[in-house]
C-alpha atoms as a PDB file:
ATOM      1  CA  MET A   1     -23.872   4.025 -14.334  1.00  0.00           C
ATOM      2  CA  ASN A   2     -21.485   5.999 -12.128  1.00  0.00           C
ATOM      3  CA  THR A   3     -23.405   7.681  -9.332  1.00  0.00           C
ATOM      4  CA  ASN A   4     -20.345   8.955  -7.488  1.00  0.00           C
ATOM      5  CA  THR A   5     -20.743  12.684  -6.950  1.00  0.00           C
ATOM      6  CA  GLY A   6     -17.371  13.381  -5.413  1.00  0.00           C
ATOM      7  CA  GLY A   7     -16.075  13.645  -1.887  1.00  0.00           C
ATOM      8  CA  ALA A   8     -13.814  11.258  -0.003  1.00  0.00           C
ATOM      9  CA  ASP A   9     -14.738   8.283  -2.170  1.00  0.00           C
ATOM     10  CA  CYS A  10     -13.119   9.958  -5.188  1.00  0.00           C
ATOM     11  CA  ARG A  11      -9.602   9.781  -3.773  1.00  0.00           C
ATOM     12  CA  THR A  12      -7.021   8.268  -6.062  1.00  0.00           C
ATOM     13  CA  GLN A  13      -5.294   5.068  -5.036  1.00  0.00           C
ATOM     14  CA  ARG A  14      -2.165   7.146  -4.391  1.00  0.00           C
ATOM     15  CA  ASP A  15      -4.173   9.343  -2.022  1.00  0.00           C
ATOM     16  CA  GLN A  16      -5.672   6.309  -0.303  1.00  0.00           C
ATOM     17  CA  LEU A  17      -2.270   4.727   0.283  1.00  0.00           C
ATOM     18  CA  LEU A  18      -0.715   7.944   1.522  1.00  0.00           C
ATOM     19  CA  MET A  19      -3.623   8.504   3.915  1.00  0.00           C
ATOM     20  CA  TYR A  20      -3.286   4.901   5.146  1.00  0.00           C
ATOM     21  CA  TYR A  21       0.364   5.557   5.985  1.00  0.00           C
ATOM     22  CA  LYS A  22      -0.344   8.944   7.572  1.00  0.00           C
ATOM     23  CA  GLU A  23      -3.025   7.376   9.791  1.00  0.00           C
ATOM     24  CA  GLY A  24      -0.154   5.572  11.527  1.00  0.00           C
ATOM     25  CA  HIS A  25       0.242   2.370   9.533  1.00  0.00           C
ATOM     26  CA  LYS A  26       3.974   1.783   9.055  1.00  0.00           C
ATOM     27  CA  SER A  27       3.850  -0.752   6.206  1.00  0.00           C
ATOM     28  CA  ILE A  28       1.591  -2.625   3.826  1.00  0.00           C
ATOM     29  CA  SER A  29       1.801  -5.736   1.638  1.00  0.00           C
ATOM     30  CA  ARG A  30       0.065  -6.477  -1.653  1.00  0.00           C
ATOM     31  CA  THR A  31      -2.551  -8.698  -0.016  1.00  0.00           C
ATOM     32  CA  SER A  32      -3.318  -6.084   2.656  1.00  0.00           C
ATOM     33  CA  ALA A  33      -3.520  -3.326   0.047  1.00  0.00           C
ATOM     34  CA  LEU A  34      -6.033  -5.329  -1.935  1.00  0.00           C
ATOM     35  CA  SER A  35      -8.211  -6.300   1.030  1.00  0.00           C
ATOM     36  CA  LYS A  36      -8.040  -3.001   2.955  1.00  0.00           C
ATOM     37  CA  LEU A  37      -7.797  -0.406   0.193  1.00  0.00           C
ATOM     38  CA  GLY A  38      -8.873  -2.171  -2.984  1.00  0.00           C
ATOM     39  CA  ILE A  39      -5.465  -1.558  -4.569  1.00  0.00           C
ATOM     40  CA  ALA A  40      -4.586  -4.453  -6.889  1.00  0.00           C
ATOM     41  CA  ASN A  41      -1.290  -3.137  -8.276  1.00  0.00           C
ATOM     42  CA  LEU A  42       0.479  -1.872  -5.157  1.00  0.00           C
ATOM     43  CA  PRO A  43       4.000  -1.785  -6.671  1.00  0.00           C
ATOM     44  CA  GLU A  44       2.833   0.691  -9.320  1.00  0.00           C
ATOM     45  CA  ILE A  45       1.136   2.955  -6.781  1.00  0.00           C
ATOM     46  CA  VAL A  46       4.284   2.887  -4.624  1.00  0.00           C
ATOM     47  CA  ARG A  47       6.381   3.754  -7.701  1.00  0.00           C
ATOM     48  CA  GLN A  48       4.144   6.736  -8.440  1.00  0.00           C
ATOM     49  CA  LEU A  49       4.459   7.988  -4.847  1.00  0.00           C
ATOM     50  CA  ARG A  50       8.237   7.583  -4.921  1.00  0.00           C
ATOM     51  CA  VAL A  51       8.406   9.674  -8.103  1.00  0.00           C
ATOM     52  CA  ARG A  52       6.588  12.378  -6.141  1.00  0.00           C
ATOM     53  CA  GLY A  53       9.231  12.208  -3.405  1.00  0.00           C
ATOM     54  CA  ILE A  54       7.362  10.104  -0.835  1.00  0.00           C
ATOM     55  CA  PRO A  55       9.896   8.004   1.129  1.00  0.00           C
ATOM     56  CA  ILE A  56       8.781   4.374   0.847  1.00  0.00           C
ATOM     57  CA  ARG A  57      11.226   1.486   0.972  1.00  0.00           C
ATOM     58  CA  SER A  58      10.725  -2.122  -0.086  1.00  0.00           C
ATOM     59  CA  GLU A  59      11.456  -4.843   2.430  1.00  0.00           C
ATOM     60  CA  LYS A  60      11.528  -8.568   1.650  1.00  0.00           C
ATOM     61  CA  VAL A  61       9.793 -10.714   4.267  1.00  0.00           C
ATOM     62  CA  GLU A  62      10.046 -14.482   4.679  1.00  0.00           C
ATOM     63  CA  LYS A  63       7.424 -16.396   6.629  1.00  0.00           C
ATOM     64  CA  VAL A  64       6.051 -19.899   6.851  1.00  0.00           C
ATOM     65  CA  GLY A  65       2.742 -20.115   5.019  1.00  0.00           C
ATOM     66  CA  ARG A  66      -0.365 -22.057   5.993  1.00  0.00           C
ATOM     67  CA  ASN A  67       0.898 -25.066   4.078  1.00  0.00           C
ATOM     68  CA  GLY A  68       4.126 -25.112   6.089  1.00  0.00           C
ATOM     69  CA  LYS A  69       6.277 -23.898   3.205  1.00  0.00           C
ATOM     70  CA  LYS A  70       8.394 -20.766   3.212  1.00  0.00           C
ATOM     71  CA  VAL A  71       6.887 -17.808   1.388  1.00  0.00           C
ATOM     72  CA  THR A  72       8.598 -14.562   0.473  1.00  0.00           C
ATOM     73  CA  PHE A  73       6.787 -11.305  -0.162  1.00  0.00           C
ATOM     74  CA  THR A  74       7.490  -7.588  -0.218  1.00  0.00           C
ATOM     75  CA  LYS A  75       6.123  -5.084   2.234  1.00  0.00           C
ATOM     76  CA  TYR A  76       6.325  -1.379   1.575  1.00  0.00           C
ATOM     77  CA  VAL A  77       7.453   0.682   4.543  1.00  0.00           C
ATOM     78  CA  TYR A  78       6.637   4.365   4.855  1.00  0.00           C
ATOM     79  CA  GLU A  79       9.575   6.304   6.231  1.00  0.00           C
ATOM     80  CA  ALA A  80       7.817   9.356   7.574  1.00  0.00           C
ATOM     81  CA  GLU A  81       9.829  12.261   8.820  1.00  0.00           C
ATOM     82  CA  THR A  82      10.052  12.220  12.594  1.00  0.00           C
END
């Protein structure tokens, strides 16, 4: 049963991501989006925002993982007007 009656908890994932950026966060990765915002398919949400004219660029990042091996992932950088 859905007991949600509206308010801030009814924001779409697009709204949540845009608010996250506008709160001062410059970028986000898929793992951060899932843990912080509950967004499982970040690339799709970013695509939808781009279609609406929101300036977000993709940036490949390489790091050494916990197992000592190189990992590559994408972070999505909000390019807010300054």
